[in-house]
Amino acid sequence: METIQLTDSATGAEAAILAGFGFNCYRFRVWFDNRPVDVLWSEPEFETGQKRASGSGIPLLFPYAGRLRGRTLTWDGHTWPLEGDDHRGNAIHGYVLNRPWRVIEQSAHRAVGQFQASLDDPALLQAWPADFRITATYELAGSSLSSTFLIENPDQRPLPFGFGTHPYFSVPLGGSRADACLVELPARQRWELVDMLATGRRLPVESREAYRAGLPFEQMNFDDAFTDLQFDGPWCRSRIVDRHSGRRLVIEFDRAFRECVVYNPPHRQAVCIEPLTWCPNAFELQQQGLDAGLKILSPGESLQCQVTMRVE
């Protein structure tokens, strides 16, 4: 497993990316008062590549993010086999989170990785309606880690897709008690889920004010897809506030992301705040005439999106 190490010499901040396992950024560590603060949670020995690809760091979910009903996709008169198993009979999380990526640029504070189906796993051309290329860039500067994702259609056929990131944010954030943390969520609605699949019905969140002010982490038990997000100009912002350490993690993502999944892993050492370009199960919802965010790139078209996290 090739590990890329990023460092910021001025602050001592560091990040680590596992290029051979989905280009997963599994470590982001900053320093305050001569003490390390781990922003991302990863399972011990994740860097061996033997752990669950979707369970640590920042898995990248593409060309489908979250669940799709069943284990096949019917699109444009053809049926395509899908990967991933949510233990409910559904495909989940796409093809690129557990495969080797090519490193196309690397410096002390910046790394760029790329995966293209026809180049890196040609068998995937029989598993999705079109060839696809995704390029991920991570850049470390002080207590901030920025990421840019470029999705391109190199095929002569239309490329349908949904993209998302699945970061595991550590709690607490430099403090000693997870129950001192608040999680601010800028969402006004949630998708109704039945058997963990969106039905197409949108429901209001229990209290917009409480979501914006910050939900106590110890009371959160989510595996939910949120929508009707609140943006401030080009950015949607979520925060994790550790009232014990006084530290705050700010997560920003741009308008390419219109949904957000929030998930509390059973180990309760992290919370996942996952920006997605679509609602999980989007193909089925679109076939019902609902706008679930399914994107279709024509040959030669591309989409770029950004996510930034910083500790204050």
C-alpha atoms as a PDB file:
ATOM      1  CA  MET A   1       0.000   0.000   0.000  1.00  0.00           C
ATOM      2  CA  GLU A   2       1.475   3.322  -1.110  1.00  0.00           C
ATOM      3  CA  THR A   3       0.907   6.058   1.478  1.00  0.00           C
ATOM      4  CA  ILE A   4       1.227   9.702   0.537  1.00  0.00           C
ATOM      5  CA  GLN A   5       2.281  11.984   3.389  1.00  0.00           C
ATOM      6  CA  LEU A   6       1.370  15.671   3.303  1.00  0.00           C
ATOM      7  CA  THR A   7       2.889  18.125   5.778  1.00  0.00           C
ATOM      8  CA  ASP A   8       2.695  21.802   6.600  1.00  0.00           C
ATOM      9  CA  SER A   9       6.131  22.737   7.891  1.00  0.00           C
ATOM     10  CA  ALA A  10       4.943  25.943   9.530  1.00  0.00           C
ATOM     11  CA  THR A  11       2.321  24.331  11.766  1.00  0.00           C
ATOM     12  CA  GLY A  12       3.212  20.635  11.874  1.00  0.00           C
ATOM     13  CA  ALA A  13      -0.164  19.670  10.410  1.00  0.00           C
ATOM     14  CA  GLU A  14      -0.157  16.415   8.465  1.00  0.00           C
ATOM     15  CA  ALA A  15      -2.374  14.300   6.264  1.00  0.00           C
ATOM     16  CA  ALA A  16      -1.993  10.783   4.896  1.00  0.00           C
ATOM     17  CA  ILE A  17      -3.614   9.315   1.786  1.00  0.00           C
ATOM     18  CA  LEU A  18      -3.785   5.645   0.851  1.00  0.00           C
ATOM     19  CA  ALA A  19      -3.447   5.802  -2.932  1.00  0.00           C
ATOM     20  CA  GLY A  20      -3.777   2.040  -3.396  1.00  0.00           C
ATOM     21  CA  PHE A  21      -7.051   1.858  -1.508  1.00  0.00           C
ATOM     22  CA  GLY A  22      -9.441   4.370  -3.024  1.00  0.00           C
ATOM     23  CA  PHE A  23      -7.190   7.420  -2.614  1.00  0.00           C
ATOM     24  CA  ASN A  24      -8.567   7.539   0.907  1.00  0.00           C
ATOM     25  CA  CYS A  25      -7.309  10.424   3.066  1.00  0.00           C
ATOM     26  CA  TYR A  26      -7.345   8.517   6.330  1.00  0.00           C
ATOM     27  CA  ARG A  27      -5.426  10.939   8.548  1.00  0.00           C
ATOM     28  CA  PHE A  28      -5.664  14.696   9.088  1.00  0.00           C
ATOM     29  CA  ARG A  29      -3.880  15.886  12.216  1.00  0.00           C
ATOM     30  CA  VAL A  30      -3.305  19.431  13.443  1.00  0.00           C
ATOM     31  CA  TRP A  31      -1.481  20.803  16.484  1.00  0.00           C
ATOM     32  CA  PHE A  32      -2.671  23.244  19.111  1.00  0.00           C
ATOM     33  CA  ASP A  33      -0.775  24.090  22.301  1.00  0.00           C
ATOM     34  CA  ASN A  34       1.797  21.408  21.413  1.00  0.00           C
ATOM     35  CA  ARG A  35      -0.898  18.738  21.406  1.00  0.00           C
ATOM     36  CA  PRO A  36      -2.133  16.765  18.383  1.00  0.00           C
ATOM     37  CA  VAL A  37      -5.776  16.922  17.346  1.00  0.00           C
ATOM     38  CA  ASP A  38      -6.904  14.086  15.067  1.00  0.00           C
ATOM     39  CA  VAL A  39      -9.657  15.395  12.815  1.00  0.00           C
ATOM     40  CA  LEU A  40     -10.342  12.125  10.996  1.00  0.00           C
ATOM     41  CA  TRP A  41     -11.066   8.762  12.582  1.00  0.00           C
ATOM     42  CA  SER A  42      -9.671   5.572  11.066  1.00  0.00           C
ATOM     43  CA  GLU A  43      -9.677   1.996  12.219  1.00  0.00           C
ATOM     44  CA  PRO A  44      -6.277   0.836  13.517  1.00  0.00           C
ATOM     45  CA  GLU A  45      -4.120  -0.602  10.719  1.00  0.00           C
ATOM     46  CA  PHE A  46      -6.373   0.840   8.032  1.00  0.00           C
ATOM     47  CA  GLU A  47      -3.201   1.613   6.063  1.00  0.00           C
ATOM     48  CA  THR A  48      -2.683  -2.114   5.464  1.00  0.00           C
ATOM     49  CA  GLY A  49      -5.606  -2.094   3.036  1.00  0.00           C
ATOM     50  CA  GLN A  50      -7.172  -5.051   4.839  1.00  0.00           C
ATOM     51  CA  LYS A  51      -9.913  -3.119   6.642  1.00  0.00           C
ATOM     52  CA  ARG A  52     -13.378  -2.161   5.425  1.00  0.00           C
ATOM     53  CA  ALA A  53     -12.951   0.456   2.694  1.00  0.00           C
ATOM     54  CA  SER A  54     -16.060   2.434   3.676  1.00  0.00           C
ATOM     55  CA  GLY A  55     -15.336   2.483   7.411  1.00  0.00           C
ATOM     56  CA  SER A  56     -12.442   4.931   7.898  1.00  0.00           C
ATOM     57  CA  GLY A  57     -10.981   8.237   6.790  1.00  0.00           C
ATOM     58  CA  ILE A  58     -12.648   9.771   3.730  1.00  0.00           C
ATOM     59  CA  PRO A  59     -14.012   7.102   1.378  1.00  0.00           C
ATOM     60  CA  LEU A  60     -14.853   8.538  -2.056  1.00  0.00           C
ATOM     61  CA  LEU A  61     -18.196   7.296  -3.382  1.00  0.00           C
ATOM     62  CA  PHE A  62     -18.541   7.145  -7.183  1.00  0.00           C
ATOM     63  CA  PRO A  63     -20.193   6.617  -9.679  1.00  0.00           C
ATOM     64  CA  TYR A  64     -22.965   5.974  -7.162  1.00  0.00           C
ATOM     65  CA  ALA A  65     -22.996   7.300  -3.616  1.00  0.00           C
ATOM     66  CA  GLY A  66     -25.024   5.561  -0.950  1.00  0.00           C
ATOM     67  CA  ARG A  67     -27.522   2.841  -1.726  1.00  0.00           C
ATOM     68  CA  LEU A  68     -29.196   1.803  -4.957  1.00  0.00           C
ATOM     69  CA  ARG A  69     -32.081  -0.650  -4.709  1.00  0.00           C
ATOM     70  CA  GLY A  70     -31.084  -4.211  -5.545  1.00  0.00           C
ATOM     71  CA  ARG A  71     -27.842  -5.405  -7.093  1.00  0.00           C
ATOM     72  CA  THR A  72     -28.376  -4.301 -10.703  1.00  0.00           C
ATOM     73  CA  LEU A  73     -29.032  -1.024 -12.500  1.00  0.00           C
ATOM     74  CA  THR A  74     -31.378  -0.784 -15.467  1.00  0.00           C
ATOM     75  CA  TRP A  75     -30.502   2.200 -17.641  1.00  0.00           C
ATOM     76  CA  ASP A  76     -31.220   3.038 -21.276  1.00  0.00           C
ATOM     77  CA  GLY A  77     -32.545  -0.443 -21.990  1.00  0.00           C
ATOM     78  CA  HIS A  78     -29.563  -2.283 -20.487  1.00  0.00           C
ATOM     79  CA  THR A  79     -28.962  -3.957 -17.132  1.00  0.00           C
ATOM     80  CA  TRP A  80     -25.679  -3.445 -15.304  1.00  0.00           C
ATOM     81  CA  PRO A  81     -24.350  -5.484 -12.342  1.00  0.00           C
ATOM     82  CA  LEU A  82     -23.470  -3.444  -9.268  1.00  0.00           C
ATOM     83  CA  GLU A  83     -21.008  -3.857  -6.407  1.00  0.00           C
ATOM     84  CA  GLY A  84     -21.273  -3.339  -2.674  1.00  0.00           C
ATOM     85  CA  ASP A  85     -23.590  -5.008  -0.217  1.00  0.00           C
ATOM     86  CA  ASP A  86     -25.487  -3.177   2.505  1.00  0.00           C
ATOM     87  CA  HIS A  87     -26.607  -6.520   3.991  1.00  0.00           C
ATOM     88  CA  ARG A  88     -30.142  -5.631   2.903  1.00  0.00           C
ATOM     89  CA  GLY A  89     -29.756  -6.782  -0.682  1.00  0.00           C
ATOM     90  CA  ASN A  90     -28.760  -3.386  -2.066  1.00  0.00           C
ATOM     91  CA  ALA A  91     -25.667  -2.075  -3.824  1.00  0.00           C
ATOM     92  CA  ILE A  92     -23.805   0.677  -2.007  1.00  0.00           C
ATOM     93  CA  HIS A  93     -21.017   3.240  -2.437  1.00  0.00           C
ATOM     94  CA  GLY A  94     -19.729   2.668  -5.966  1.00  0.00           C
ATOM     95  CA  TYR A  95     -16.545   1.297  -7.499  1.00  0.00           C
ATOM     96  CA  VAL A  96     -13.632   3.570  -6.648  1.00  0.00           C
ATOM     97  CA  LEU A  97     -13.385   3.449  -2.834  1.00  0.00           C
ATOM     98  CA  ASN A  98     -11.451   0.159  -2.679  1.00  0.00           C
ATOM     99  CA  ARG A  99      -9.448   0.169  -5.925  1.00  0.00           C
ATOM    100  CA  PRO A 100      -5.920   1.495  -6.585  1.00  0.00           C
ATOM    101  CA  TRP A 101      -5.670   5.022  -7.971  1.00  0.00           C
ATOM    102  CA  ARG A 102      -2.827   6.508  -9.992  1.00  0.00           C
ATOM    103  CA  VAL A 103      -0.881   9.351  -8.370  1.00  0.00           C
ATOM    104  CA  ILE A 104      -0.422  12.016 -11.024  1.00  0.00           C
ATOM    105  CA  GLU A 105       1.007  14.825  -8.884  1.00  0.00           C
ATOM    106  CA  GLN A 106       2.660  14.989  -5.479  1.00  0.00           C
ATOM    107  CA  SER A 107       4.463  17.571  -3.379  1.00  0.00           C
ATOM    108  CA  ALA A 108       4.990  18.189   0.325  1.00  0.00           C
ATOM    109  CA  HIS A 109       1.532  19.695   0.787  1.00  0.00           C
ATOM    110  CA  ARG A 110      -0.450  18.605  -2.283  1.00  0.00           C
ATOM    111  CA  ALA A 111      -1.435  15.298  -3.872  1.00  0.00           C
ATOM    112  CA  VAL A 112      -3.517  14.493  -6.948  1.00  0.00           C
ATOM    113  CA  GLY A 113      -4.909  11.050  -7.709  1.00  0.00           C
ATOM    114  CA  GLN A 114      -6.960   9.772 -10.623  1.00  0.00           C
ATOM    115  CA  PHE A 115      -9.071   6.769 -11.476  1.00  0.00           C
ATOM    116  CA  GLN A 116     -10.472   6.010 -14.930  1.00  0.00           C
ATOM    117  CA  ALA A 117     -12.484   2.860 -15.497  1.00  0.00           C
ATOM    118  CA  SER A 118     -11.075   2.026 -18.938  1.00  0.00           C
ATOM    119  CA  LEU A 119      -7.477   2.494 -17.758  1.00  0.00           C
ATOM    120  CA  ASP A 120      -7.505   1.258 -14.182  1.00  0.00           C
ATOM    121  CA  ASP A 121     -10.091  -1.538 -14.274  1.00  0.00           C
ATOM    122  CA  PRO A 122     -11.455  -2.141 -17.803  1.00  0.00           C
ATOM    123  CA  ALA A 123     -13.900  -4.746 -16.462  1.00  0.00           C
ATOM    124  CA  LEU A 124     -15.910  -1.819 -15.105  1.00  0.00           C
ATOM    125  CA  LEU A 125     -16.910  -0.924 -18.663  1.00  0.00           C
ATOM    126  CA  GLN A 126     -19.272  -3.898 -18.360  1.00  0.00           C
ATOM    127  CA  ALA A 127     -20.563  -2.640 -15.019  1.00  0.00           C
ATOM    128  CA  TRP A 128     -21.618   0.961 -15.748  1.00  0.00           C
ATOM    129  CA  PRO A 129     -23.316   2.724 -18.685  1.00  0.00           C
ATOM    130  CA  ALA A 130     -20.202   4.713 -19.657  1.00  0.00           C
ATOM    131  CA  ASP A 131     -16.508   5.083 -18.994  1.00  0.00           C
ATOM    132  CA  PHE A 132     -15.716   7.595 -16.244  1.00  0.00           C
ATOM    133  CA  ARG A 133     -12.753   9.525 -14.865  1.00  0.00           C
ATOM    134  CA  ILE A 134     -12.468  11.064 -11.405  1.00  0.00           C
ATOM    135  CA  THR A 135      -9.553  13.208 -10.232  1.00  0.00           C
ATOM    136  CA  ALA A 136      -9.120  14.066  -6.538  1.00  0.00           C
ATOM    137  CA  THR A 137      -6.824  16.806  -5.229  1.00  0.00           C
ATOM    138  CA  TYR A 138      -5.932  17.247  -1.556  1.00  0.00           C
ATOM    139  CA  GLU A 139      -4.043  20.323  -0.373  1.00  0.00           C
ATOM    140  CA  LEU A 140      -2.864  20.989   3.178  1.00  0.00           C
ATOM    141  CA  ALA A 141      -2.342  24.521   4.493  1.00  0.00           C
ATOM    142  CA  GLY A 142      -2.063  25.155   8.197  1.00  0.00           C
ATOM    143  CA  SER A 143      -5.092  23.781   9.981  1.00  0.00           C
ATOM    144  CA  SER A 144      -7.058  23.466   6.731  1.00  0.00           C
ATOM    145  CA  LEU A 145      -7.387  20.541   4.338  1.00  0.00           C
ATOM    146  CA  SER A 146      -9.041  21.362   1.024  1.00  0.00           C
ATOM    147  CA  SER A 147     -10.191  18.869  -1.576  1.00  0.00           C
ATOM    148  CA  THR A 148     -11.297  19.314  -5.158  1.00  0.00           C
ATOM    149  CA  PHE A 149     -12.949  16.601  -7.242  1.00  0.00           C
ATOM    150  CA  LEU A 150     -13.176  16.661 -11.034  1.00  0.00           C
ATOM    151  CA  ILE A 151     -15.561  14.200 -12.670  1.00  0.00           C
ATOM    152  CA  GLU A 152     -15.266  13.772 -16.443  1.00  0.00           C
ATOM    153  CA  ASN A 153     -16.976  11.804 -19.161  1.00  0.00           C
ATOM    154  CA  PRO A 154     -14.282  10.474 -21.543  1.00  0.00           C
ATOM    155  CA  ASP A 155     -16.804   8.222 -23.333  1.00  0.00           C
ATOM    156  CA  GLN A 156     -19.008   8.706 -26.379  1.00  0.00           C
ATOM    157  CA  ARG A 157     -22.055   7.740 -24.303  1.00  0.00           C
ATOM    158  CA  PRO A 158     -23.822   9.784 -21.610  1.00  0.00           C
ATOM    159  CA  LEU A 159     -22.471   9.269 -18.092  1.00  0.00           C
ATOM    160  CA  PRO A 160     -25.060   9.088 -15.275  1.00  0.00           C
ATOM    161  CA  PHE A 161     -23.645   9.351 -11.767  1.00  0.00           C
ATOM    162  CA  GLY A 162     -23.842  10.492  -8.196  1.00  0.00           C
ATOM    163  CA  PHE A 163     -20.762  11.449  -6.163  1.00  0.00           C
ATOM    164  CA  GLY A 164     -20.172  11.872  -2.468  1.00  0.00           C
ATOM    165  CA  THR A 165     -17.535  11.881   0.240  1.00  0.00           C
ATOM    166  CA  HIS A 166     -17.945   9.855   3.443  1.00  0.00           C
ATOM    167  CA  PRO A 167     -15.638  11.448   6.060  1.00  0.00           C
ATOM    168  CA  TYR A 168     -15.385  10.064   9.583  1.00  0.00           C
ATOM    169  CA  PHE A 169     -14.813  13.048  11.893  1.00  0.00           C
ATOM    170  CA  SER A 170     -13.340  12.209  15.277  1.00  0.00           C
ATOM    171  CA  VAL A 171     -15.146  13.137  18.463  1.00  0.00           C
ATOM    172  CA  PRO A 172     -14.080  14.601  20.756  1.00  0.00           C
ATOM    173  CA  LEU A 173     -12.018  17.233  18.937  1.00  0.00           C
ATOM    174  CA  GLY A 174      -9.013  17.590  21.184  1.00  0.00           C
ATOM    175  CA  GLY A 175     -11.037  17.370  24.366  1.00  0.00           C
ATOM    176  CA  SER A 176     -11.574  14.393  26.629  1.00  0.00           C
ATOM    177  CA  ARG A 177     -15.345  13.961  26.373  1.00  0.00           C
ATOM    178  CA  ALA A 178     -17.426  13.216  23.296  1.00  0.00           C
ATOM    179  CA  ASP A 179     -20.533  14.343  25.170  1.00  0.00           C
ATOM    180  CA  ALA A 180     -19.091  17.864  25.196  1.00  0.00           C
ATOM    181  CA  CYS A 181     -19.439  18.073  21.413  1.00  0.00           C
ATOM    182  CA  LEU A 182     -22.189  19.779  19.451  1.00  0.00           C
ATOM    183  CA  VAL A 183     -22.843  19.068  15.768  1.00  0.00           C
ATOM    184  CA  GLU A 184     -24.349  21.870  13.684  1.00  0.00           C
ATOM    185  CA  LEU A 185     -26.303  20.700  10.637  1.00  0.00           C
ATOM    186  CA  PRO A 186     -27.554  23.232   8.039  1.00  0.00           C
ATOM    187  CA  ALA A 187     -30.520  21.121   6.891  1.00  0.00           C
ATOM    188  CA  ARG A 188     -34.214  21.954   6.804  1.00  0.00           C
ATOM    189  CA  GLN A 189     -35.629  18.686   5.454  1.00  0.00           C
ATOM    190  CA  ARG A 190     -34.854  14.980   5.435  1.00  0.00           C
ATOM    191  CA  TRP A 191     -35.762  12.261   2.959  1.00  0.00           C
ATOM    192  CA  GLU A 192     -38.162   9.662   4.275  1.00  0.00           C
ATOM    193  CA  LEU A 193     -36.397   6.287   4.346  1.00  0.00           C
ATOM    194  CA  VAL A 194     -37.985   2.844   4.249  1.00  0.00           C
ATOM    195  CA  ASP A 195     -35.521  -0.029   4.643  1.00  0.00           C
ATOM    196  CA  MET A 196     -32.818   2.651   4.332  1.00  0.00           C
ATOM    197  CA  LEU A 197     -33.978   3.676   0.832  1.00  0.00           C
ATOM    198  CA  ALA A 198     -35.472   7.084   0.069  1.00  0.00           C
ATOM    199  CA  THR A 199     -39.150   6.934  -0.845  1.00  0.00           C
ATOM    200  CA  GLY A 200     -39.193  10.364  -2.523  1.00  0.00           C
ATOM    201  CA  ARG A 201     -41.108  12.003   0.316  1.00  0.00           C
ATOM    202  CA  ARG A 202     -39.460  14.925   2.102  1.00  0.00           C
ATOM    203  CA  LEU A 203     -40.094  15.621   5.773  1.00  0.00           C
ATOM    204  CA  PRO A 204     -39.198  18.695   7.828  1.00  0.00           C
ATOM    205  CA  VAL A 205     -36.457  18.264  10.426  1.00  0.00           C
ATOM    206  CA  GLU A 206     -37.632  18.302  14.004  1.00  0.00           C
ATOM    207  CA  SER A 207     -36.258  21.783  14.735  1.00  0.00           C
ATOM    208  CA  ARG A 208     -34.299  23.917  12.298  1.00  0.00           C
ATOM    209  CA  GLU A 209     -33.162  26.103  15.176  1.00  0.00           C
ATOM    210  CA  ALA A 210     -31.766  23.147  17.113  1.00  0.00           C
ATOM    211  CA  TYR A 211     -29.984  21.804  14.039  1.00  0.00           C
ATOM    212  CA  ARG A 212     -28.367  25.178  13.420  1.00  0.00           C
ATOM    213  CA  ALA A 213     -27.470  25.751  17.072  1.00  0.00           C
ATOM    214  CA  GLY A 214     -25.892  22.305  17.406  1.00  0.00           C
ATOM    215  CA  LEU A 215     -27.201  18.906  18.382  1.00  0.00           C
ATOM    216  CA  PRO A 216     -25.556  17.238  21.397  1.00  0.00           C
ATOM    217  CA  PHE A 217     -23.478  14.383  20.078  1.00  0.00           C
ATOM    218  CA  GLU A 218     -24.584  11.971  22.787  1.00  0.00           C
ATOM    219  CA  GLN A 219     -28.208  12.387  21.639  1.00  0.00           C
ATOM    220  CA  MET A 220     -27.489  11.800  17.945  1.00  0.00           C
ATOM    221  CA  ASN A 221     -28.306   8.454  16.372  1.00  0.00           C
ATOM    222  CA  PHE A 222     -28.464   9.154  12.652  1.00  0.00           C
ATOM    223  CA  ASP A 223     -28.206   7.253   9.419  1.00  0.00           C
ATOM    224  CA  ASP A 224     -30.276   9.814   7.509  1.00  0.00           C
ATOM    225  CA  ALA A 225     -30.273  11.705   4.224  1.00  0.00           C
ATOM    226  CA  PHE A 226     -30.914  15.431   4.560  1.00  0.00           C
ATOM    227  CA  THR A 227     -31.929  17.943   1.903  1.00  0.00           C
ATOM    228  CA  ASP A 228     -33.015  21.570   1.525  1.00  0.00           C
ATOM    229  CA  LEU A 229     -29.599  22.611   2.795  1.00  0.00           C
ATOM    230  CA  GLN A 230     -28.802  26.168   3.815  1.00  0.00           C
ATOM    231  CA  PHE A 231     -26.027  27.861   1.829  1.00  0.00           C
ATOM    232  CA  ASP A 232     -24.185  31.058   2.648  1.00  0.00           C
ATOM    233  CA  GLY A 233     -23.224  32.273  -0.796  1.00  0.00           C
ATOM    234  CA  PRO A 234     -21.387  29.424  -2.532  1.00  0.00           C
ATOM    235  CA  TRP A 235     -20.854  27.359   0.635  1.00  0.00           C
ATOM    236  CA  CYS A 236     -22.837  25.100   2.906  1.00  0.00           C
ATOM    237  CA  ARG A 237     -21.249  24.904   6.365  1.00  0.00           C
ATOM    238  CA  SER A 238     -21.494  22.337   9.108  1.00  0.00           C
ATOM    239  CA  ARG A 239     -19.553  22.452  12.362  1.00  0.00           C
ATOM    240  CA  ILE A 240     -18.425  20.201  15.168  1.00  0.00           C
ATOM    241  CA  VAL A 241     -17.852  22.199  18.347  1.00  0.00           C
ATOM    242  CA  ASP A 242     -15.919  20.676  21.233  1.00  0.00           C
ATOM    243  CA  ARG A 243     -16.947  22.726  24.260  1.00  0.00           C
ATOM    244  CA  HIS A 244     -14.309  21.030  26.430  1.00  0.00           C
ATOM    245  CA  SER A 245     -11.264  21.801  24.285  1.00  0.00           C
ATOM    246  CA  GLY A 246     -12.679  24.977  22.762  1.00  0.00           C
ATOM    247  CA  ARG A 247     -11.872  23.698  19.271  1.00  0.00           C
ATOM    248  CA  ARG A 248     -14.222  23.864  16.319  1.00  0.00           C
ATOM    249  CA  LEU A 249     -14.138  21.960  13.033  1.00  0.00           C
ATOM    250  CA  VAL A 250     -15.747  23.754  10.102  1.00  0.00           C
ATOM    251  CA  ILE A 251     -16.796  21.632   7.104  1.00  0.00           C
ATOM    252  CA  GLU A 252     -17.636  23.536   3.916  1.00  0.00           C
ATOM    253  CA  PHE A 253     -18.879  22.189   0.601  1.00  0.00           C
ATOM    254  CA  ASP A 254     -20.060  23.926  -2.539  1.00  0.00           C
ATOM    255  CA  ARG A 255     -23.359  23.949  -4.419  1.00  0.00           C
ATOM    256  CA  ALA A 256     -22.498  20.891  -6.507  1.00  0.00           C
ATOM    257  CA  PHE A 257     -23.544  19.018  -3.366  1.00  0.00           C
ATOM    258  CA  ARG A 258     -27.291  19.304  -2.757  1.00  0.00           C
ATOM    259  CA  GLU A 259     -27.786  16.536  -0.179  1.00  0.00           C
ATOM    260  CA  CYS A 260     -26.021  15.478   3.004  1.00  0.00           C
ATOM    261  CA  VAL A 261     -26.056  12.130   4.789  1.00  0.00           C
ATOM    262  CA  VAL A 262     -25.337  12.123   8.531  1.00  0.00           C
ATOM    263  CA  TYR A 263     -24.308   8.855  10.145  1.00  0.00           C
ATOM    264  CA  ASN A 264     -23.274   7.841  13.653  1.00  0.00           C
ATOM    265  CA  PRO A 265     -21.093   4.708  13.522  1.00  0.00           C
ATOM    266  CA  PRO A 266     -21.892   2.188  16.271  1.00  0.00           C
ATOM    267  CA  HIS A 267     -18.457   2.668  17.894  1.00  0.00           C
ATOM    268  CA  ARG A 268     -19.442   6.293  18.734  1.00  0.00           C
ATOM    269  CA  GLN A 269     -15.914   7.583  18.156  1.00  0.00           C
ATOM    270  CA  ALA A 270     -16.855   9.599  15.077  1.00  0.00           C
ATOM    271  CA  VAL A 271     -19.668  11.271  13.197  1.00  0.00           C
ATOM    272  CA  CYS A 272     -19.979  11.181   9.406  1.00  0.00           C
ATOM    273  CA  ILE A 273     -21.148  14.331   7.621  1.00  0.00           C
ATOM    274  CA  GLU A 274     -21.323  13.292   3.978  1.00  0.00           C
ATOM    275  CA  PRO A 275     -21.970  15.798   1.158  1.00  0.00           C
ATOM    276  CA  LEU A 276     -23.595  14.103  -1.854  1.00  0.00           C
ATOM    277  CA  THR A 277     -24.516  15.404  -5.289  1.00  0.00           C
ATOM    278  CA  TRP A 278     -27.699  13.304  -5.214  1.00  0.00           C
ATOM    279  CA  CYS A 279     -30.098  11.537  -2.917  1.00  0.00           C
ATOM    280  CA  PRO A 280     -29.308   7.837  -2.421  1.00  0.00           C
ATOM    281  CA  ASN A 281     -31.589   5.653  -4.576  1.00  0.00           C
ATOM    282  CA  ALA A 282     -31.706   8.506  -7.082  1.00  0.00           C
ATOM    283  CA  PHE A 283     -32.188   6.334 -10.184  1.00  0.00           C
ATOM    284  CA  GLU A 284     -35.451   4.909  -8.869  1.00  0.00           C
ATOM    285  CA  LEU A 285     -36.704   8.329  -7.741  1.00  0.00           C
ATOM    286  CA  GLN A 286     -35.863   9.927 -11.097  1.00  0.00           C
ATOM    287  CA  GLN A 287     -37.816   7.169 -12.853  1.00  0.00           C
ATOM    288  CA  GLN A 288     -40.763   8.202 -10.695  1.00  0.00           C
ATOM    289  CA  GLY A 289     -40.470  11.756 -12.012  1.00  0.00           C
ATOM    290  CA  LEU A 290     -38.784  13.183  -8.901  1.00  0.00           C
ATOM    291  CA  ASP A 291     -35.709  15.396  -8.930  1.00  0.00           C
ATOM    292  CA  ALA A 292     -33.259  13.400  -6.803  1.00  0.00           C
ATOM    293  CA  GLY A 293     -30.102  15.008  -8.167  1.00  0.00           C
ATOM    294  CA  LEU A 294     -29.072  12.404 -10.743  1.00  0.00           C
ATOM    295  CA  LYS A 295     -26.456  14.023 -12.974  1.00  0.00           C
ATOM    296  CA  ILE A 296     -25.800  13.043 -16.585  1.00  0.00           C
ATOM    297  CA  LEU A 297     -22.650  14.264 -18.324  1.00  0.00           C
ATOM    298  CA  SER A 298     -22.597  14.328 -22.109  1.00  0.00           C
ATOM    299  CA  PRO A 299     -19.401  13.158 -23.857  1.00  0.00           C
ATOM    300  CA  GLY A 300     -16.578  15.524 -22.969  1.00  0.00           C
ATOM    301  CA  GLU A 301     -18.484  17.257 -20.160  1.00  0.00           C
ATOM    302  CA  SER A 302     -17.222  17.551 -16.597  1.00  0.00           C
ATOM    303  CA  LEU A 303     -18.258  18.588 -13.103  1.00  0.00           C
ATOM    304  CA  GLN A 304     -16.011  20.018 -10.401  1.00  0.00           C
ATOM    305  CA  CYS A 305     -16.832  20.225  -6.696  1.00  0.00           C
ATOM    306  CA  GLN A 306     -15.038  21.223  -3.513  1.00  0.00           C
ATOM    307  CA  VAL A 307     -14.943  20.293   0.163  1.00  0.00           C
ATOM    308  CA  THR A 308     -12.840  22.043   2.786  1.00  0.00           C
ATOM    309  CA  MET A 309     -12.308  21.321   6.475  1.00  0.00           C
ATOM    310  CA  ARG A 310     -10.435  23.485   8.965  1.00  0.00           C
ATOM    311  CA  VAL A 311      -9.907  23.511  12.700  1.00  0.00           C
ATOM    312  CA  GLU A 312     -10.273  26.780  14.586  1.00  0.00           C
END
